[in-house]
């Protein structure tokens, strides 16, 4: 029983971390990375930077931007 509770706690921690993931629009990415919007758009177009296109908006997870910046 104790092992099950430990595993449930671990799963809950992982889910809460995912729910707190920070999302940025293209202006937020520009400020976050100190890069121009055109540079970010080129990275999206070339597939270098992962993006979610919801409702006509470009949305980025901060972790995707970090991965892109760090190569």
PDB file of N, CA and C in Angstrom:
ATOM      1  N   UNK A   1       0.823  -1.197   0.000  1.00  0.00           N
ATOM      2  CA  UNK A   1       0.000   0.000   0.000  1.00  0.00           C
ATOM      3  C   UNK A   1       0.868   1.263   0.000  1.00  0.00           C
ATOM      4  N   UNK A   2       1.943   1.248   0.765  1.00  0.00           N
ATOM      5  CA  UNK A   2       2.835   2.394   0.862  1.00  0.00           C
ATOM      6  C   UNK A   2       3.499   2.685  -0.483  1.00  0.00           C
ATOM      7  N   UNK A   3       3.858   1.627  -1.217  1.00  0.00           N
ATOM      8  CA  UNK A   3       4.487   1.795  -2.526  1.00  0.00           C
ATOM      9  C   UNK A   3       3.508   2.464  -3.494  1.00  0.00           C
ATOM     10  N   UNK A   4       2.267   2.078  -3.428  1.00  0.00           N
ATOM     11  CA  UNK A   4       1.245   2.668  -4.302  1.00  0.00           C
ATOM     12  C   UNK A   4       1.087   4.151  -4.003  1.00  0.00           C
ATOM     13  N   UNK A   5       1.054   4.507  -2.735  1.00  0.00           N
ATOM     14  CA  UNK A   5       0.913   5.917  -2.361  1.00  0.00           C
ATOM     15  C   UNK A   5       2.112   6.739  -2.833  1.00  0.00           C
ATOM     16  N   UNK A   6       3.302   6.179  -2.738  1.00  0.00           N
ATOM     17  CA  UNK A   6       4.505   6.874  -3.207  1.00  0.00           C
ATOM     18  C   UNK A   6       4.435   7.108  -4.714  1.00  0.00           C
ATOM     19  N   UNK A   7       4.001   6.092  -5.443  1.00  0.00           N
ATOM     20  CA  UNK A   7       3.887   6.229  -6.895  1.00  0.00           C
ATOM     21  C   UNK A   7       2.824   7.261  -7.263  1.00  0.00           C
ATOM     22  N   UNK A   8       1.711   7.253  -6.559  1.00  0.00           N
ATOM     23  CA  UNK A   8       0.668   8.249  -6.821  1.00  0.00           C
ATOM     24  C   UNK A   8       1.165   9.663  -6.555  1.00  0.00           C
ATOM     25  N   UNK A   9       1.939   9.836  -5.489  1.00  0.00           N
ATOM     26  CA  UNK A   9       2.511  11.149  -5.188  1.00  0.00           C
ATOM     27  C   UNK A   9       3.451  11.598  -6.311  1.00  0.00           C
ATOM     28  N   UNK A  10       4.239  10.657  -6.823  1.00  0.00           N
ATOM     29  CA  UNK A  10       5.176  10.984  -7.892  1.00  0.00           C
ATOM     30  C   UNK A  10       4.420  11.392  -9.165  1.00  0.00           C
ATOM     31  N   UNK A  11       3.360  10.658  -9.484  1.00  0.00           N
ATOM     32  CA  UNK A  11       2.553  10.981 -10.655  1.00  0.00           C
ATOM     33  C   UNK A  11       1.889  12.346 -10.487  1.00  0.00           C
ATOM     34  N   UNK A  12       1.385  12.611  -9.310  1.00  0.00           N
ATOM     35  CA  UNK A  12       0.745  13.900  -9.037  1.00  0.00           C
ATOM     36  C   UNK A  12       1.738  15.048  -9.199  1.00  0.00           C
ATOM     37  N   UNK A  13       2.965  14.867  -8.722  1.00  0.00           N
ATOM     38  CA  UNK A  13       3.996  15.896  -8.872  1.00  0.00           C
ATOM     39  C   UNK A  13       4.297  16.164 -10.347  1.00  0.00           C
ATOM     40  N   UNK A  14       4.398  15.095 -11.138  1.00  0.00           N
ATOM     41  CA  UNK A  14       4.682  15.254 -12.561  1.00  0.00           C
ATOM     42  C   UNK A  14       3.548  15.987 -13.272  1.00  0.00           C
ATOM     43  N   UNK A  15       2.318  15.635 -12.948  1.00  0.00           N
ATOM     44  CA  UNK A  15       1.172  16.288 -13.576  1.00  0.00           C
ATOM     45  C   UNK A  15       1.071  17.754 -13.193  1.00  0.00           C
ATOM     46  N   UNK A  16       1.335  18.066 -11.946  1.00  0.00           N
ATOM     47  CA  UNK A  16       1.251  19.467 -11.529  1.00  0.00           C
ATOM     48  C   UNK A  16       2.357  20.289 -12.181  1.00  0.00           C
ATOM     49  N   UNK A  17       3.521  19.681 -12.396  1.00  0.00           N
ATOM     50  CA  UNK A  17       4.607  20.388 -13.086  1.00  0.00           C
ATOM     51  C   UNK A  17       4.213  20.680 -14.531  1.00  0.00           C
ATOM     52  N   UNK A  18       3.599  19.717 -15.207  1.00  0.00           N
ATOM     53  CA  UNK A  18       3.176  19.918 -16.592  1.00  0.00           C
ATOM     54  C   UNK A  18       2.106  20.988 -16.684  1.00  0.00           C
ATOM     55  N   UNK A  19       1.207  21.028 -15.717  1.00  0.00           N
ATOM     56  CA  UNK A  19       0.132  22.017 -15.738  1.00  0.00           C
ATOM     57  C   UNK A  19       0.669  23.430 -15.536  1.00  0.00           C
ATOM     58  N   UNK A  20       1.815  23.563 -14.891  1.00  0.00           N
ATOM     59  CA  UNK A  20       2.396  24.871 -14.620  1.00  0.00           C
ATOM     60  C   UNK A  20       3.334  25.335 -15.722  1.00  0.00           C
ATOM     61  N   UNK A  21       3.424  24.566 -16.802  1.00  0.00           N
ATOM     62  CA  UNK A  21       4.300  24.933 -17.914  1.00  0.00           C
ATOM     63  C   UNK A  21       3.924  26.315 -18.415  1.00  0.00           C
ATOM     64  N   UNK A  22       4.904  27.130 -18.596  1.00  0.00           N
ATOM     65  CA  UNK A  22       4.703  28.514 -19.008  1.00  0.00           C
ATOM     66  C   UNK A  22       4.576  28.600 -20.527  1.00  0.00           C
ATOM     67  N   UNK A  23       3.509  29.232 -21.001  1.00  0.00           N
ATOM     68  CA  UNK A  23       3.277  29.442 -22.427  1.00  0.00           C
ATOM     69  C   UNK A  23       3.568  30.897 -22.775  1.00  0.00           C
ATOM     70  N   UNK A  24       4.158  31.104 -23.938  1.00  0.00           N
ATOM     71  CA  UNK A  24       4.511  32.447 -24.391  1.00  0.00           C
ATOM     72  C   UNK A  24       3.951  32.665 -25.793  1.00  0.00           C
ATOM     73  N   UNK A  25       3.523  33.895 -26.072  1.00  0.00           N
ATOM     74  CA  UNK A  25       3.200  34.242 -27.447  1.00  0.00           C
ATOM     75  C   UNK A  25       4.489  34.718 -28.113  1.00  0.00           C
ATOM     76  N   UNK A  26       4.415  35.104 -29.377  1.00  0.00           N
ATOM     77  CA  UNK A  26       5.648  35.446 -30.095  1.00  0.00           C
ATOM     78  C   UNK A  26       6.331  36.683 -29.499  1.00  0.00           C
ATOM     79  N   UNK A  27       5.538  37.635 -28.991  1.00  0.00           N
ATOM     80  CA  UNK A  27       6.140  38.803 -28.333  1.00  0.00           C
ATOM     81  C   UNK A  27       6.854  38.388 -27.041  1.00  0.00           C
ATOM     82  N   UNK A  28       6.257  37.455 -26.319  1.00  0.00           N
ATOM     83  CA  UNK A  28       6.881  36.952 -25.096  1.00  0.00           C
ATOM     84  C   UNK A  28       8.178  36.233 -25.382  1.00  0.00           C
ATOM     85  N   UNK A  29       8.213  35.467 -26.468  1.00  0.00           N
ATOM     86  CA  UNK A  29       9.445  34.764 -26.858  1.00  0.00           C
ATOM     87  C   UNK A  29      10.519  35.782 -27.230  1.00  0.00           C
ATOM     88  N   UNK A  30      10.114  36.833 -27.923  1.00  0.00           N
ATOM     89  CA  UNK A  30      11.063  37.874 -28.311  1.00  0.00           C
ATOM     90  C   UNK A  30      11.690  38.533 -27.080  1.00  0.00           C
ATOM     91  N   UNK A  31      10.875  38.864 -26.110  1.00  0.00           N
ATOM     92  CA  UNK A  31      11.392  39.464 -24.872  1.00  0.00           C
ATOM     93  C   UNK A  31      12.224  38.461 -24.080  1.00  0.00           C
ATOM     94  N   UNK A  32      11.752  37.221 -24.002  1.00  0.00           N
ATOM     95  CA  UNK A  32      12.422  36.165 -23.241  1.00  0.00           C
ATOM     96  C   UNK A  32      13.801  35.855 -23.815  1.00  0.00           C
ATOM     97  N   UNK A  33      13.898  35.857 -25.152  1.00  0.00           N
ATOM     98  CA  UNK A  33      15.144  35.456 -25.803  1.00  0.00           C
ATOM     99  C   UNK A  33      16.001  36.629 -26.273  1.00  0.00           C
ATOM    100  N   UNK A  34      15.457  37.825 -26.244  1.00  0.00           N
ATOM    101  CA  UNK A  34      16.122  39.028 -26.763  1.00  0.00           C
ATOM    102  C   UNK A  34      16.414  38.916 -28.262  1.00  0.00           C
ATOM    103  N   UNK A  35      15.554  38.202 -28.969  1.00  0.00           N
ATOM    104  CA  UNK A  35      15.684  38.057 -30.419  1.00  0.00           C
ATOM    105  C   UNK A  35      14.500  38.738 -31.103  1.00  0.00           C
ATOM    106  N   UNK A  36      14.695  39.066 -32.365  1.00  0.00           N
ATOM    107  CA  UNK A  36      13.625  39.740 -33.112  1.00  0.00           C
ATOM    108  C   UNK A  36      12.509  38.762 -33.455  1.00  0.00           C
ATOM    109  N   UNK A  37      11.346  39.312 -33.680  1.00  0.00           N
ATOM    110  CA  UNK A  37      10.192  38.507 -34.057  1.00  0.00           C
ATOM    111  C   UNK A  37      10.441  37.829 -35.404  1.00  0.00           C
ATOM    112  N   UNK A  38      11.109  38.525 -36.324  1.00  0.00           N
ATOM    113  CA  UNK A  38      11.387  37.915 -37.629  1.00  0.00           C
ATOM    114  C   UNK A  38      12.324  36.713 -37.501  1.00  0.00           C
ATOM    115  N   UNK A  39      13.294  36.782 -36.603  1.00  0.00           N
ATOM    116  CA  UNK A  39      14.195  35.646 -36.355  1.00  0.00           C
ATOM    117  C   UNK A  39      13.402  34.452 -35.809  1.00  0.00           C
ATOM    118  N   UNK A  40      12.461  34.727 -34.910  1.00  0.00           N
ATOM    119  CA  UNK A  40      11.632  33.671 -34.324  1.00  0.00           C
ATOM    120  C   UNK A  40      10.738  33.063 -35.395  1.00  0.00           C
ATOM    121  N   UNK A  41      10.143  33.905 -36.237  1.00  0.00           N
ATOM    122  CA  UNK A  41       9.293  33.398 -37.325  1.00  0.00           C
ATOM    123  C   UNK A  41      10.089  32.521 -38.295  1.00  0.00           C
ATOM    124  N   UNK A  42      11.336  32.915 -38.582  1.00  0.00           N
ATOM    125  CA  UNK A  42      12.180  32.088 -39.463  1.00  0.00           C
ATOM    126  C   UNK A  42      12.474  30.736 -38.828  1.00  0.00           C
ATOM    127  N   UNK A  43      12.715  30.723 -37.516  1.00  0.00           N
ATOM    128  CA  UNK A  43      12.987  29.465 -36.811  1.00  0.00           C
ATOM    129  C   UNK A  43      11.759  28.558 -36.831  1.00  0.00           C
ATOM    130  N   UNK A  44      10.580  29.144 -36.721  1.00  0.00           N
ATOM    131  CA  UNK A  44       9.335  28.369 -36.785  1.00  0.00           C
ATOM    132  C   UNK A  44       9.158  27.809 -38.193  1.00  0.00           C
ATOM    133  N   UNK A  45       9.363  28.659 -39.203  1.00  0.00           N
ATOM    134  CA  UNK A  45       9.176  28.241 -40.601  1.00  0.00           C
ATOM    135  C   UNK A  45      10.132  27.122 -40.993  1.00  0.00           C
ATOM    136  N   UNK A  46      11.355  27.157 -40.462  1.00  0.00           N
ATOM    137  CA  UNK A  46      12.343  26.132 -40.800  1.00  0.00           C
ATOM    138  C   UNK A  46      12.201  24.872 -39.946  1.00  0.00           C
ATOM    139  N   UNK A  47      11.330  24.935 -38.938  1.00  0.00           N
ATOM    140  CA  UNK A  47      11.129  23.770 -38.082  1.00  0.00           C
ATOM    141  C   UNK A  47      12.108  23.677 -36.930  1.00  0.00           C
ATOM    142  N   UNK A  48      12.947  24.684 -36.753  1.00  0.00           N
ATOM    143  CA  UNK A  48      13.923  24.689 -35.658  1.00  0.00           C
ATOM    144  C   UNK A  48      13.252  24.873 -34.299  1.00  0.00           C
ATOM    145  N   UNK A  49      12.202  25.676 -34.279  1.00  0.00           N
ATOM    146  CA  UNK A  49      11.506  26.014 -33.038  1.00  0.00           C
ATOM    147  C   UNK A  49      10.099  25.439 -33.077  1.00  0.00           C
ATOM    148  N   UNK A  50       9.789  24.614 -32.091  1.00  0.00           N
ATOM    149  CA  UNK A  50       8.474  23.993 -32.009  1.00  0.00           C
ATOM    150  C   UNK A  50       7.439  25.045 -31.612  1.00  0.00           C
ATOM    151  N   UNK A  51       6.242  24.925 -32.205  1.00  0.00           N
ATOM    152  CA  UNK A  51       5.192  25.906 -31.968  1.00  0.00           C
ATOM    153  C   UNK A  51       3.834  25.218 -31.965  1.00  0.00           C
ATOM    154  N   UNK A  52       2.899  25.794 -31.239  1.00  0.00           N
ATOM    155  CA  UNK A  52       1.508  25.357 -31.266  1.00  0.00           C
ATOM    156  C   UNK A  52       0.707  26.482 -31.879  1.00  0.00           C
ATOM    157  N   UNK A  53      -0.057  26.167 -32.911  1.00  0.00           N
ATOM    158  CA  UNK A  53      -0.853  27.194 -33.587  1.00  0.00           C
ATOM    159  C   UNK A  53      -2.300  27.020 -33.171  1.00  0.00           C
ATOM    160  N   UNK A  54      -2.694  27.748 -32.152  1.00  0.00           N
ATOM    161  CA  UNK A  54      -4.061  27.672 -31.628  1.00  0.00           C
ATOM    162  C   UNK A  54      -4.797  28.962 -31.930  1.00  0.00           C
ATOM    163  N   UNK A  55      -5.925  28.836 -32.584  1.00  0.00           N
ATOM    164  CA  UNK A  55      -6.750  30.010 -32.849  1.00  0.00           C
ATOM    165  C   UNK A  55      -6.043  31.081 -33.647  1.00  0.00           C
ATOM    166  N   UNK A  56      -5.129  30.681 -34.529  1.00  0.00           N
ATOM    167  CA  UNK A  56      -4.411  31.649 -35.340  1.00  0.00           C
ATOM    168  C   UNK A  56      -3.247  32.314 -34.630  1.00  0.00           C
ATOM    169  N   UNK A  57      -3.005  31.910 -33.394  1.00  0.00           N
ATOM    170  CA  UNK A  57      -1.886  32.486 -32.624  1.00  0.00           C
ATOM    171  C   UNK A  57      -0.752  31.480 -32.538  1.00  0.00           C
ATOM    172  N   UNK A  58       0.460  31.976 -32.518  1.00  0.00           N
ATOM    173  CA  UNK A  58       1.620  31.127 -32.303  1.00  0.00           C
ATOM    174  C   UNK A  58       1.905  31.095 -30.804  1.00  0.00           C
ATOM    175  N   UNK A  59       1.871  29.909 -30.224  1.00  0.00           N
ATOM    176  CA  UNK A  59       2.135  29.756 -28.798  1.00  0.00           C
ATOM    177  C   UNK A  59       3.306  28.800 -28.603  1.00  0.00           C
ATOM    178  N   UNK A  60       4.171  29.144 -27.659  1.00  0.00           N
ATOM    179  CA  UNK A  60       5.391  28.398 -27.410  1.00  0.00           C
ATOM    180  C   UNK A  60       5.495  28.042 -25.931  1.00  0.00           C
ATOM    181  N   UNK A  61       5.900  26.827 -25.631  1.00  0.00           N
ATOM    182  CA  UNK A  61       6.234  26.479 -24.254  1.00  0.00           C
ATOM    183  C   UNK A  61       7.627  27.036 -23.985  1.00  0.00           C
ATOM    184  N   UNK A  62       7.822  27.545 -22.791  1.00  0.00           N
ATOM    185  CA  UNK A  62       9.130  28.096 -22.434  1.00  0.00           C
ATOM    186  C   UNK A  62      10.217  27.029 -22.574  1.00  0.00           C
ATOM    187  N   UNK A  63       9.878  25.771 -22.271  1.00  0.00           N
ATOM    188  CA  UNK A  63      10.872  24.694 -22.392  1.00  0.00           C
ATOM    189  C   UNK A  63      11.278  24.478 -23.849  1.00  0.00           C
ATOM    190  N   UNK A  64      10.338  24.681 -24.813  1.00  0.00           N
ATOM    191  CA  UNK A  64      10.688  24.565 -26.228  1.00  0.00           C
ATOM    192  C   UNK A  64      11.660  25.667 -26.625  1.00  0.00           C
ATOM    193  N   UNK A  65      11.413  26.870 -26.124  1.00  0.00           N
ATOM    194  CA  UNK A  65      12.282  28.004 -26.442  1.00  0.00           C
ATOM    195  C   UNK A  65      13.675  27.762 -25.849  1.00  0.00           C
ATOM    196  N   UNK A  66      13.716  27.293 -24.605  1.00  0.00           N
ATOM    197  CA  UNK A  66      15.000  27.001 -23.968  1.00  0.00           C
ATOM    198  C   UNK A  66      15.791  25.970 -24.775  1.00  0.00           C
ATOM    199  N   UNK A  67      15.112  24.913 -25.205  1.00  0.00           N
ATOM    200  CA  UNK A  67      15.759  23.858 -25.991  1.00  0.00           C
ATOM    201  C   UNK A  67      16.310  24.411 -27.295  1.00  0.00           C
ATOM    202  N   UNK A  68      15.535  25.287 -27.948  1.00  0.00           N
ATOM    203  CA  UNK A  68      15.967  25.911 -29.189  1.00  0.00           C
ATOM    204  C   UNK A  68      17.175  26.821 -28.963  1.00  0.00           C
ATOM    205  N   UNK A  69      17.133  27.610 -27.920  1.00  0.00           N
ATOM    206  CA  UNK A  69      18.239  28.536 -27.635  1.00  0.00           C
ATOM    207  C   UNK A  69      19.526  27.803 -27.263  1.00  0.00           C
ATOM    208  N   UNK A  70      19.384  26.681 -26.576  1.00  0.00           N
ATOM    209  CA  UNK A  70      20.555  25.934 -26.121  1.00  0.00           C
ATOM    210  C   UNK A  70      21.069  24.939 -27.159  1.00  0.00           C
ATOM    211  N   UNK A  71      20.369  24.858 -28.284  1.00  0.00           N
ATOM    212  CA  UNK A  71      20.815  24.005 -29.387  1.00  0.00           C
ATOM    213  C   UNK A  71      20.552  22.607 -29.119  1.00  0.00           C
TER     214      UNK A  71
END
